[in-house]
Protein backbone atom coordinates (compact mmCIF):
# COMPACT_ATOMS: atom_id res chain seq x y z
CA MET A 1 116.96 99.87 101.20
CA GLN A 2 114.71 101.78 98.74
CA TYR A 3 110.99 102.39 99.47
CA ASN A 4 109.02 104.09 97.26
CA PHE A 5 105.71 106.49 97.71
CA ILE A 6 102.50 107.20 95.84
CA LYS A 7 99.34 108.16 96.77
CA MET A 8 96.96 105.57 97.61
CA ASN A 9 94.64 104.60 95.17
CA GLN A 10 91.73 101.68 95.32
CA ASN A 11 93.43 98.41 95.36
CA TYR A 12 95.99 99.53 98.67
CA ALA A 13 93.56 101.59 100.35
CA GLU A 14 90.81 98.34 100.14
CA GLU A 15 93.90 95.79 100.85
CA ILE A 16 94.90 98.04 103.86
CA ALA A 17 91.22 98.38 105.19
CA TYR A 18 90.44 94.11 104.79
CA GLN A 19 93.31 92.19 104.90
CA TRP A 20 95.16 94.06 107.68
CA LYS A 21 94.65 92.70 110.69
CA TYR A 22 96.59 92.83 113.97
CA LYS A 23 97.06 91.00 117.12
CA GLY A 24 96.60 91.48 120.89
CA LYS A 25 96.12 94.76 122.12
CA TYR A 26 97.56 96.11 118.74
CA SER A 27 93.79 95.18 117.06
CA PHE A 28 92.92 98.62 118.12
CA TYR A 29 94.79 99.85 114.66
CA ASP A 30 92.87 97.22 112.86
CA THR A 31 90.63 99.73 110.46
CA THR A 32 87.51 98.47 110.27
CA ALA A 33 87.22 98.95 114.01
CA ASP A 34 85.96 102.77 113.82
CA LYS A 35 83.51 102.31 110.52
CA GLU A 36 83.98 106.50 110.73
CA ASP A 37 87.90 105.73 110.20
CA LEU A 38 87.13 102.86 107.74
CA ALA A 39 84.86 105.38 105.66
CA GLU A 40 87.18 107.76 105.69
CA PHE A 41 90.31 105.86 105.02
CA LEU A 42 88.80 104.22 101.97
CA ASP A 43 87.37 107.86 100.40
CA PRO A 44 89.29 109.12 97.74
CA LYS A 45 88.62 112.29 98.18
CA THR A 46 91.16 112.00 101.43
CA TRP A 47 93.89 110.42 99.32
CA ASP A 48 95.95 113.72 98.21
CA ARG A 49 97.23 113.38 101.33
CA THR A 50 97.46 109.48 102.20
CA PHE A 51 100.11 107.46 100.49
CA ALA A 52 101.40 104.24 100.59
CA VAL A 53 104.69 102.70 100.99
CA LEU A 54 106.29 99.87 98.66
CA ASN A 55 109.44 98.04 98.61
CA LYS A 56 111.77 97.91 96.11
CA GLU A 57 109.62 94.79 94.89
CA ASN A 58 106.96 96.78 95.13
CA ASP A 59 105.10 95.45 98.01
CA LEU A 60 103.05 97.53 99.63
CA ILE A 61 104.16 97.63 102.84
CA GLY A 62 103.32 100.52 105.00
CA PHE A 63 101.25 103.65 104.34
CA TYR A 64 101.16 107.09 105.83
CA SER A 65 99.19 110.14 105.85
CA TYR A 66 98.95 113.79 106.93
CA THR A 67 96.80 116.89 107.75
CA PHE A 68 96.15 120.07 109.27
CA GLN A 69 93.99 120.92 111.82
CA ASP A 70 94.32 124.43 113.88
CA GLU A 71 97.52 125.39 112.81
CA ILE A 72 98.97 121.41 113.56
CA MET A 73 100.57 119.11 111.28
CA TRP A 74 98.19 115.34 112.48
CA ILE A 75 100.58 112.41 111.03
CA GLY A 76 99.32 108.87 110.73
CA PHE A 77 101.23 106.26 109.18
CA GLY A 78 101.27 102.26 109.49
CA LEU A 79 103.12 98.97 108.55
CA LYS A 80 102.41 96.05 107.23
CA PRO A 81 101.03 93.51 110.01
CA ASP A 82 103.94 90.92 109.37
CA LEU A 83 106.36 93.06 109.35
CA THR A 84 105.38 94.72 113.26
């Protein structure tokens, strides 16, 4: 499989934040479930370390991000709900 990793942008961030909804116990991962997480995810200042993942048809299928805190690298990722 071929994947393309590109810097996050407004369109992808809003699609993930407002359209990706998970079922059952995974609803915890809905970006809108936590206002602080939502604000951070939609903040363009964080997009230098956040990437959209596209398949070979250029469909958005996931994202990942990273940050460093106290010499620890924190990694976050998500898959489009209908792919999980």
